[in-house]
């Protein structure tokens, strides 16, 4: 079976405030270009602006078409995520292009952005349990984002603990929330995700070929069921959910 077409590519970068300056928008563009083979349908980016708000751009097409300006049309940023899509769930349209930003259109006090590689066996059931007026697309990715926004718990970590047992299937996630960059891999390890460093700056991506493109050093893979939190203090890791058996298919 051809697995590349069930791929999608995700990347997240956080630059240290006092580290050597990198243009996160440009580095996200370069990393997404390296991951282009994982999805040619759409490309998108979501970044924090100087006020901590999330600003995004998504469009149909390849990375070099969507970000011909290497992301310069988005605000200067120290932290952002990107996504290239091959449709696994939902039809091929810009409403289904990631990253998904949820919260701001309903006047929520909090906004999160999520880029997702994978597909959930119970995606349709999860979507049916959400209020229909919350849904803007037909993707699993949006359902995960909305669950993480509306689950019980004051922090994203607590809402992830509440949400993750509901997810059945494959997922690697990169998330913007609470001013931080999060990365999570499903407990079966069905989708790849790895961590790298660009000097003092951090990068997570579906494949290490993205690191080669931006001159990053490979640190390690994200373990199945592991939550990575990256902020100004550095990287924090914890195993959020474990299962007795790893699965590759």
C-alpha atoms as a PDB file:
ATOM      1  CA  UNK A   1       0.000   0.000   0.000  1.00  0.00           C
ATOM      2  CA  UNK A   2       1.300   3.489  -0.831  1.00  0.00           C
ATOM      3  CA  UNK A   3       1.712   5.324   2.494  1.00  0.00           C
ATOM      4  CA  UNK A   4       2.980   8.700   1.257  1.00  0.00           C
ATOM      5  CA  UNK A   5      -0.499   9.754   0.226  1.00  0.00           C
ATOM      6  CA  UNK A   6      -1.738   9.220   3.778  1.00  0.00           C
ATOM      7  CA  UNK A   7       0.869  11.569   5.095  1.00  0.00           C
ATOM      8  CA  UNK A   8       0.541  15.349   5.495  1.00  0.00           C
ATOM      9  CA  UNK A   9       3.496  17.237   6.914  1.00  0.00           C
ATOM     10  CA  UNK A  10       3.656  19.347  10.063  1.00  0.00           C
ATOM     11  CA  UNK A  11       6.327  21.636  11.507  1.00  0.00           C
ATOM     12  CA  UNK A  12       6.655  23.965  14.477  1.00  0.00           C
ATOM     13  CA  UNK A  13       9.431  26.402  15.400  1.00  0.00           C
ATOM     14  CA  UNK A  14      10.094  28.430  18.550  1.00  0.00           C
ATOM     15  CA  UNK A  15      12.950  30.947  18.532  1.00  0.00           C
ATOM     16  CA  UNK A  16      14.522  32.030  21.808  1.00  0.00           C
ATOM     17  CA  UNK A  17      13.935  35.690  22.571  1.00  0.00           C
ATOM     18  CA  UNK A  18      17.620  36.297  23.214  1.00  0.00           C
ATOM     19  CA  UNK A  19      18.945  33.607  20.896  1.00  0.00           C
ATOM     20  CA  UNK A  20      20.523  34.158  17.497  1.00  0.00           C
ATOM     21  CA  UNK A  21      17.911  35.778  15.320  1.00  0.00           C
ATOM     22  CA  UNK A  22      16.119  33.617  12.794  1.00  0.00           C
ATOM     23  CA  UNK A  23      13.131  34.614  10.691  1.00  0.00           C
ATOM     24  CA  UNK A  24      10.662  31.963  11.853  1.00  0.00           C
ATOM     25  CA  UNK A  25       8.367  32.630   8.874  1.00  0.00           C
ATOM     26  CA  UNK A  26      11.180  31.945   6.406  1.00  0.00           C
ATOM     27  CA  UNK A  27      12.338  28.855   8.272  1.00  0.00           C
ATOM     28  CA  UNK A  28       8.774  27.495   8.369  1.00  0.00           C
ATOM     29  CA  UNK A  29       8.545  28.031   4.604  1.00  0.00           C
ATOM     30  CA  UNK A  30      11.831  26.187   4.027  1.00  0.00           C
ATOM     31  CA  UNK A  31      10.800  23.322   6.310  1.00  0.00           C
ATOM     32  CA  UNK A  32       7.403  22.984   4.624  1.00  0.00           C
ATOM     33  CA  UNK A  33       9.113  22.935   1.226  1.00  0.00           C
ATOM     34  CA  UNK A  34      11.238  20.013   2.449  1.00  0.00           C
ATOM     35  CA  UNK A  35       8.027  18.247   3.555  1.00  0.00           C
ATOM     36  CA  UNK A  36       6.190  19.005   0.287  1.00  0.00           C
ATOM     37  CA  UNK A  37       6.258  15.327  -0.717  1.00  0.00           C
ATOM     38  CA  UNK A  38       3.926  14.616   2.206  1.00  0.00           C
ATOM     39  CA  UNK A  39       1.142  16.748   0.736  1.00  0.00           C
ATOM     40  CA  UNK A  40       0.715  18.881  -2.383  1.00  0.00           C
ATOM     41  CA  UNK A  41      -2.909  19.933  -1.952  1.00  0.00           C
ATOM     42  CA  UNK A  42      -2.678  22.919   0.400  1.00  0.00           C
ATOM     43  CA  UNK A  43      -0.205  24.730   2.617  1.00  0.00           C
ATOM     44  CA  UNK A  44      -0.663  26.891   5.670  1.00  0.00           C
ATOM     45  CA  UNK A  45       1.040  28.646   8.542  1.00  0.00           C
ATOM     46  CA  UNK A  46      -0.124  30.039  11.888  1.00  0.00           C
ATOM     47  CA  UNK A  47       2.088  32.329  13.979  1.00  0.00           C
ATOM     48  CA  UNK A  48       1.946  34.418  17.141  1.00  0.00           C
ATOM     49  CA  UNK A  49       2.103  38.173  16.572  1.00  0.00           C
ATOM     50  CA  UNK A  50       3.781  40.609  18.988  1.00  0.00           C
ATOM     51  CA  UNK A  51       0.590  40.812  21.088  1.00  0.00           C
ATOM     52  CA  UNK A  52       0.340  37.028  21.441  1.00  0.00           C
ATOM     53  CA  UNK A  53      -2.551  36.709  18.989  1.00  0.00           C
ATOM     54  CA  UNK A  54      -2.542  33.913  16.414  1.00  0.00           C
ATOM     55  CA  UNK A  55      -2.494  34.983  12.766  1.00  0.00           C
ATOM     56  CA  UNK A  56      -2.743  32.427   9.957  1.00  0.00           C
ATOM     57  CA  UNK A  57      -2.621  32.041   6.196  1.00  0.00           C
ATOM     58  CA  UNK A  58      -3.810  28.915   4.410  1.00  0.00           C
ATOM     59  CA  UNK A  59      -4.450  28.325   0.732  1.00  0.00           C
ATOM     60  CA  UNK A  60      -4.742  25.619  -1.878  1.00  0.00           C
ATOM     61  CA  UNK A  61      -1.521  24.945  -3.755  1.00  0.00           C
ATOM     62  CA  UNK A  62       2.100  24.107  -3.084  1.00  0.00           C
ATOM     63  CA  UNK A  63       4.294  25.832  -0.520  1.00  0.00           C
ATOM     64  CA  UNK A  64       6.154  28.011  -3.014  1.00  0.00           C
ATOM     65  CA  UNK A  65       2.833  29.237  -4.432  1.00  0.00           C
ATOM     66  CA  UNK A  66       1.123  29.910  -1.103  1.00  0.00           C
ATOM     67  CA  UNK A  67       4.249  31.429   0.479  1.00  0.00           C
ATOM     68  CA  UNK A  68       6.013  33.010  -2.484  1.00  0.00           C
ATOM     69  CA  UNK A  69       6.927  35.797  -0.024  1.00  0.00           C
ATOM     70  CA  UNK A  70       8.470  33.185   2.361  1.00  0.00           C
ATOM     71  CA  UNK A  71       5.788  34.156   4.870  1.00  0.00           C
ATOM     72  CA  UNK A  72       6.700  37.851   5.029  1.00  0.00           C
ATOM     73  CA  UNK A  73       3.010  38.774   4.724  1.00  0.00           C
ATOM     74  CA  UNK A  74       2.474  37.319   8.203  1.00  0.00           C
ATOM     75  CA  UNK A  75       3.603  39.222  11.323  1.00  0.00           C
ATOM     76  CA  UNK A  76       7.183  38.894  12.526  1.00  0.00           C
ATOM     77  CA  UNK A  77       7.126  36.105  15.074  1.00  0.00           C
ATOM     78  CA  UNK A  78       9.129  33.985  17.469  1.00  0.00           C
ATOM     79  CA  UNK A  79       6.820  30.971  17.255  1.00  0.00           C
ATOM     80  CA  UNK A  80       4.695  29.359  14.571  1.00  0.00           C
ATOM     81  CA  UNK A  81       3.480  26.124  13.005  1.00  0.00           C
ATOM     82  CA  UNK A  82       2.972  24.970   9.426  1.00  0.00           C
ATOM     83  CA  UNK A  83       1.120  22.265   7.524  1.00  0.00           C
ATOM     84  CA  UNK A  84       1.083  20.688   4.073  1.00  0.00           C
ATOM     85  CA  UNK A  85      -1.994  18.608   3.350  1.00  0.00           C
ATOM     86  CA  UNK A  86      -2.919  15.523   1.460  1.00  0.00           C
ATOM     87  CA  UNK A  87      -6.611  14.968   2.126  1.00  0.00           C
ATOM     88  CA  UNK A  88      -7.286  11.906   4.271  1.00  0.00           C
ATOM     89  CA  UNK A  89     -10.622  13.098   5.663  1.00  0.00           C
ATOM     90  CA  UNK A  90     -12.790  15.864   4.295  1.00  0.00           C
ATOM     91  CA  UNK A  91     -12.969  17.093   0.747  1.00  0.00           C
ATOM     92  CA  UNK A  92     -10.333  19.051  -1.122  1.00  0.00           C
ATOM     93  CA  UNK A  93     -11.161  22.693  -0.375  1.00  0.00           C
ATOM     94  CA  UNK A  94      -9.549  25.616   1.401  1.00  0.00           C
ATOM     95  CA  UNK A  95     -11.894  25.257   4.411  1.00  0.00           C
ATOM     96  CA  UNK A  96     -10.177  21.927   5.096  1.00  0.00           C
ATOM     97  CA  UNK A  97      -6.638  23.318   4.814  1.00  0.00           C
ATOM     98  CA  UNK A  98      -4.531  23.516   7.976  1.00  0.00           C
ATOM     99  CA  UNK A  99      -3.376  24.724  10.397  1.00  0.00           C
ATOM    100  CA  UNK A 100      -6.766  25.161  12.064  1.00  0.00           C
ATOM    101  CA  UNK A 101      -7.259  28.170  14.307  1.00  0.00           C
ATOM    102  CA  UNK A 102     -10.202  27.821  16.678  1.00  0.00           C
ATOM    103  CA  UNK A 103     -11.610  30.058  19.359  1.00  0.00           C
ATOM    104  CA  UNK A 104     -11.231  33.565  18.017  1.00  0.00           C
ATOM    105  CA  UNK A 105     -14.299  33.471  15.772  1.00  0.00           C
ATOM    106  CA  UNK A 106     -16.558  32.737  18.754  1.00  0.00           C
ATOM    107  CA  UNK A 107     -15.109  35.446  20.976  1.00  0.00           C
ATOM    108  CA  UNK A 108     -13.375  32.889  23.179  1.00  0.00           C
ATOM    109  CA  UNK A 109     -10.922  34.128  25.767  1.00  0.00           C
ATOM    110  CA  UNK A 110      -8.439  31.669  24.309  1.00  0.00           C
ATOM    111  CA  UNK A 111      -7.372  30.719  20.807  1.00  0.00           C
ATOM    112  CA  UNK A 112      -5.404  27.675  19.707  1.00  0.00           C
ATOM    113  CA  UNK A 113      -3.951  26.599  16.371  1.00  0.00           C
ATOM    114  CA  UNK A 114      -3.315  22.996  15.425  1.00  0.00           C
ATOM    115  CA  UNK A 115      -1.607  21.189  12.551  1.00  0.00           C
ATOM    116  CA  UNK A 116      -2.406  17.479  12.383  1.00  0.00           C
ATOM    117  CA  UNK A 117      -0.938  14.554  10.476  1.00  0.00           C
ATOM    118  CA  UNK A 118      -3.068  11.428  10.599  1.00  0.00           C
ATOM    119  CA  UNK A 119      -6.667  10.317  10.620  1.00  0.00           C
ATOM    120  CA  UNK A 120      -9.021   9.140  13.326  1.00  0.00           C
ATOM    121  CA  UNK A 121     -11.162   6.025  13.059  1.00  0.00           C
ATOM    122  CA  UNK A 122     -13.824   7.717  15.199  1.00  0.00           C
ATOM    123  CA  UNK A 123     -13.518  11.179  13.590  1.00  0.00           C
ATOM    124  CA  UNK A 124     -17.142  11.282  12.357  1.00  0.00           C
ATOM    125  CA  UNK A 125     -18.484  10.336  15.806  1.00  0.00           C
ATOM    126  CA  UNK A 126     -16.372  13.033  17.481  1.00  0.00           C
ATOM    127  CA  UNK A 127     -17.646  15.621  15.019  1.00  0.00           C
ATOM    128  CA  UNK A 128     -21.262  14.622  15.604  1.00  0.00           C
ATOM    129  CA  UNK A 129     -20.785  15.207  19.338  1.00  0.00           C
ATOM    130  CA  UNK A 130     -19.706  18.826  18.735  1.00  0.00           C
ATOM    131  CA  UNK A 131     -22.216  21.676  18.208  1.00  0.00           C
ATOM    132  CA  UNK A 132     -22.669  22.005  14.436  1.00  0.00           C
ATOM    133  CA  UNK A 133     -22.246  25.777  14.538  1.00  0.00           C
ATOM    134  CA  UNK A 134     -18.710  25.288  15.884  1.00  0.00           C
ATOM    135  CA  UNK A 135     -17.645  23.372  12.777  1.00  0.00           C
ATOM    136  CA  UNK A 136     -16.179  25.226   9.817  1.00  0.00           C
ATOM    137  CA  UNK A 137     -14.712  22.212   7.971  1.00  0.00           C
ATOM    138  CA  UNK A 138     -15.114  18.450   7.576  1.00  0.00           C
ATOM    139  CA  UNK A 139     -11.764  17.373   9.041  1.00  0.00           C
ATOM    140  CA  UNK A 140     -10.570  15.378  12.028  1.00  0.00           C
ATOM    141  CA  UNK A 141      -8.051  18.153  12.686  1.00  0.00           C
ATOM    142  CA  UNK A 142     -10.732  20.729  13.477  1.00  0.00           C
ATOM    143  CA  UNK A 143     -12.551  18.251  15.729  1.00  0.00           C
ATOM    144  CA  UNK A 144      -9.344  17.675  17.739  1.00  0.00           C
ATOM    145  CA  UNK A 145      -8.764  21.430  18.014  1.00  0.00           C
ATOM    146  CA  UNK A 146     -12.306  22.070  19.254  1.00  0.00           C
ATOM    147  CA  UNK A 147     -12.088  19.250  21.787  1.00  0.00           C
ATOM    148  CA  UNK A 148      -8.828  20.716  23.113  1.00  0.00           C
ATOM    149  CA  UNK A 149     -10.457  24.150  23.355  1.00  0.00           C
ATOM    150  CA  UNK A 150     -13.663  23.063  25.095  1.00  0.00           C
ATOM    151  CA  UNK A 151     -12.648  20.107  27.292  1.00  0.00           C
ATOM    152  CA  UNK A 152     -12.586  20.491  31.073  1.00  0.00           C
ATOM    153  CA  UNK A 153      -9.419  21.955  32.536  1.00  0.00           C
ATOM    154  CA  UNK A 154      -7.750  25.352  32.874  1.00  0.00           C
ATOM    155  CA  UNK A 155      -4.590  24.442  30.929  1.00  0.00           C
ATOM    156  CA  UNK A 156      -3.988  22.815  27.562  1.00  0.00           C
ATOM    157  CA  UNK A 157      -2.121  19.982  29.287  1.00  0.00           C
ATOM    158  CA  UNK A 158      -5.171  19.146  31.412  1.00  0.00           C
ATOM    159  CA  UNK A 159      -7.488  19.379  28.405  1.00  0.00           C
ATOM    160  CA  UNK A 160      -5.165  17.066  26.456  1.00  0.00           C
ATOM    161  CA  UNK A 161      -5.349  14.511  29.269  1.00  0.00           C
ATOM    162  CA  UNK A 162      -9.155  14.705  29.001  1.00  0.00           C
ATOM    163  CA  UNK A 163      -9.201  14.594  25.185  1.00  0.00           C
ATOM    164  CA  UNK A 164      -6.553  12.054  24.189  1.00  0.00           C
ATOM    165  CA  UNK A 165      -8.463   8.947  25.422  1.00  0.00           C
ATOM    166  CA  UNK A 166     -11.260   9.955  23.025  1.00  0.00           C
ATOM    167  CA  UNK A 167      -9.009   9.850  19.943  1.00  0.00           C
ATOM    168  CA  UNK A 168      -8.896   6.506  18.127  1.00  0.00           C
ATOM    169  CA  UNK A 169      -6.339   6.378  15.344  1.00  0.00           C
ATOM    170  CA  UNK A 170      -3.229   8.093  14.088  1.00  0.00           C
ATOM    171  CA  UNK A 171      -2.094  11.575  14.962  1.00  0.00           C
ATOM    172  CA  UNK A 172       0.998  13.709  15.213  1.00  0.00           C
ATOM    173  CA  UNK A 173       0.095  17.209  16.373  1.00  0.00           C
ATOM    174  CA  UNK A 174       1.847  20.553  16.594  1.00  0.00           C
ATOM    175  CA  UNK A 175      -0.106  23.161  18.524  1.00  0.00           C
ATOM    176  CA  UNK A 176       0.081  26.843  19.389  1.00  0.00           C
ATOM    177  CA  UNK A 177      -1.577  27.561  22.756  1.00  0.00           C
ATOM    178  CA  UNK A 178      -0.881  29.628  25.870  1.00  0.00           C
ATOM    179  CA  UNK A 179       2.049  31.330  24.149  1.00  0.00           C
ATOM    180  CA  UNK A 180       3.860  28.014  23.778  1.00  0.00           C
ATOM    181  CA  UNK A 181       4.617  25.388  21.137  1.00  0.00           C
ATOM    182  CA  UNK A 182       3.327  21.884  21.827  1.00  0.00           C
ATOM    183  CA  UNK A 183       3.973  18.624  19.985  1.00  0.00           C
ATOM    184  CA  UNK A 184       2.203  15.316  20.582  1.00  0.00           C
ATOM    185  CA  UNK A 185       2.421  11.864  19.025  1.00  0.00           C
ATOM    186  CA  UNK A 186      -0.262   9.180  19.263  1.00  0.00           C
ATOM    187  CA  UNK A 187       0.412   6.349  21.740  1.00  0.00           C
ATOM    188  CA  UNK A 188       0.841   3.793  18.949  1.00  0.00           C
ATOM    189  CA  UNK A 189       3.477   5.862  17.154  1.00  0.00           C
ATOM    190  CA  UNK A 190       1.648   5.575  13.840  1.00  0.00           C
ATOM    191  CA  UNK A 191       2.767   8.977  12.528  1.00  0.00           C
ATOM    192  CA  UNK A 192       6.329  10.284  12.668  1.00  0.00           C
ATOM    193  CA  UNK A 193       7.477  13.369  14.599  1.00  0.00           C
ATOM    194  CA  UNK A 194      10.967  14.468  15.569  1.00  0.00           C
ATOM    195  CA  UNK A 195      12.734  17.248  17.471  1.00  0.00           C
ATOM    196  CA  UNK A 196      15.684  19.378  16.373  1.00  0.00           C
ATOM    197  CA  UNK A 197      17.695  22.446  17.365  1.00  0.00           C
ATOM    198  CA  UNK A 198      18.753  25.464  15.311  1.00  0.00           C
ATOM    199  CA  UNK A 199      21.343  26.803  17.733  1.00  0.00           C
ATOM    200  CA  UNK A 200      19.289  27.771  20.800  1.00  0.00           C
ATOM    201  CA  UNK A 201      16.029  27.575  18.829  1.00  0.00           C
ATOM    202  CA  UNK A 202      13.726  24.549  18.662  1.00  0.00           C
ATOM    203  CA  UNK A 203      12.028  22.831  15.724  1.00  0.00           C
ATOM    204  CA  UNK A 204       9.649  19.870  15.536  1.00  0.00           C
ATOM    205  CA  UNK A 205       8.711  18.290  12.210  1.00  0.00           C
ATOM    206  CA  UNK A 206       7.267  15.184  10.610  1.00  0.00           C
ATOM    207  CA  UNK A 207      10.621  14.248   9.096  1.00  0.00           C
ATOM    208  CA  UNK A 208      14.246  15.197   9.709  1.00  0.00           C
ATOM    209  CA  UNK A 209      14.607  16.256   6.046  1.00  0.00           C
ATOM    210  CA  UNK A 210      13.018  19.513   7.248  1.00  0.00           C
ATOM    211  CA  UNK A 211      15.967  19.926   9.638  1.00  0.00           C
ATOM    212  CA  UNK A 212      18.457  19.499   6.809  1.00  0.00           C
ATOM    213  CA  UNK A 213      16.764  22.309   4.875  1.00  0.00           C
ATOM    214  CA  UNK A 214      17.033  24.835   7.732  1.00  0.00           C
ATOM    215  CA  UNK A 215      20.400  23.741   9.107  1.00  0.00           C
ATOM    216  CA  UNK A 216      18.991  22.198  12.294  1.00  0.00           C
ATOM    217  CA  UNK A 217      20.562  19.405  14.306  1.00  0.00           C
ATOM    218  CA  UNK A 218      18.500  16.278  14.905  1.00  0.00           C
ATOM    219  CA  UNK A 219      17.900  15.736  18.648  1.00  0.00           C
ATOM    220  CA  UNK A 220      15.554  12.731  18.784  1.00  0.00           C
ATOM    221  CA  UNK A 221      12.177  11.369  17.808  1.00  0.00           C
ATOM    222  CA  UNK A 222       9.073  12.214  19.812  1.00  0.00           C
ATOM    223  CA  UNK A 223       8.116   9.030  21.620  1.00  0.00           C
ATOM    224  CA  UNK A 224       4.666   7.468  21.175  1.00  0.00           C
ATOM    225  CA  UNK A 225       2.248   9.094  23.630  1.00  0.00           C
ATOM    226  CA  UNK A 226       4.730  11.849  24.508  1.00  0.00           C
ATOM    227  CA  UNK A 227       3.788  15.505  24.950  1.00  0.00           C
ATOM    228  CA  UNK A 228       6.526  18.028  24.203  1.00  0.00           C
ATOM    229  CA  UNK A 229       6.126  21.563  25.564  1.00  0.00           C
ATOM    230  CA  UNK A 230       8.523  24.234  24.281  1.00  0.00           C
ATOM    231  CA  UNK A 231       8.646  27.754  25.675  1.00  0.00           C
ATOM    232  CA  UNK A 232      11.193  30.414  26.629  1.00  0.00           C
ATOM    233  CA  UNK A 233      12.513  28.144  29.397  1.00  0.00           C
ATOM    234  CA  UNK A 234      13.285  25.334  26.946  1.00  0.00           C
ATOM    235  CA  UNK A 235      11.780  21.925  26.236  1.00  0.00           C
ATOM    236  CA  UNK A 236       9.734  19.858  28.687  1.00  0.00           C
ATOM    237  CA  UNK A 237       8.721  16.255  28.015  1.00  0.00           C
ATOM    238  CA  UNK A 238       6.213  13.922  29.615  1.00  0.00           C
ATOM    239  CA  UNK A 239       4.525  10.673  28.651  1.00  0.00           C
ATOM    240  CA  UNK A 240       0.829  11.543  28.663  1.00  0.00           C
ATOM    241  CA  UNK A 241      -0.651   8.293  27.423  1.00  0.00           C
ATOM    242  CA  UNK A 242       0.801   4.821  26.905  1.00  0.00           C
ATOM    243  CA  UNK A 243      -0.437   1.568  25.442  1.00  0.00           C
ATOM    244  CA  UNK A 244       1.152  -1.853  25.857  1.00  0.00           C
ATOM    245  CA  UNK A 245       1.861  -2.433  22.162  1.00  0.00           C
ATOM    246  CA  UNK A 246       3.369  -0.234  19.466  1.00  0.00           C
ATOM    247  CA  UNK A 247       1.693  -0.335  16.055  1.00  0.00           C
ATOM    248  CA  UNK A 248       3.080   0.608  12.655  1.00  0.00           C
ATOM    249  CA  UNK A 249      -0.057   0.079  10.607  1.00  0.00           C
END
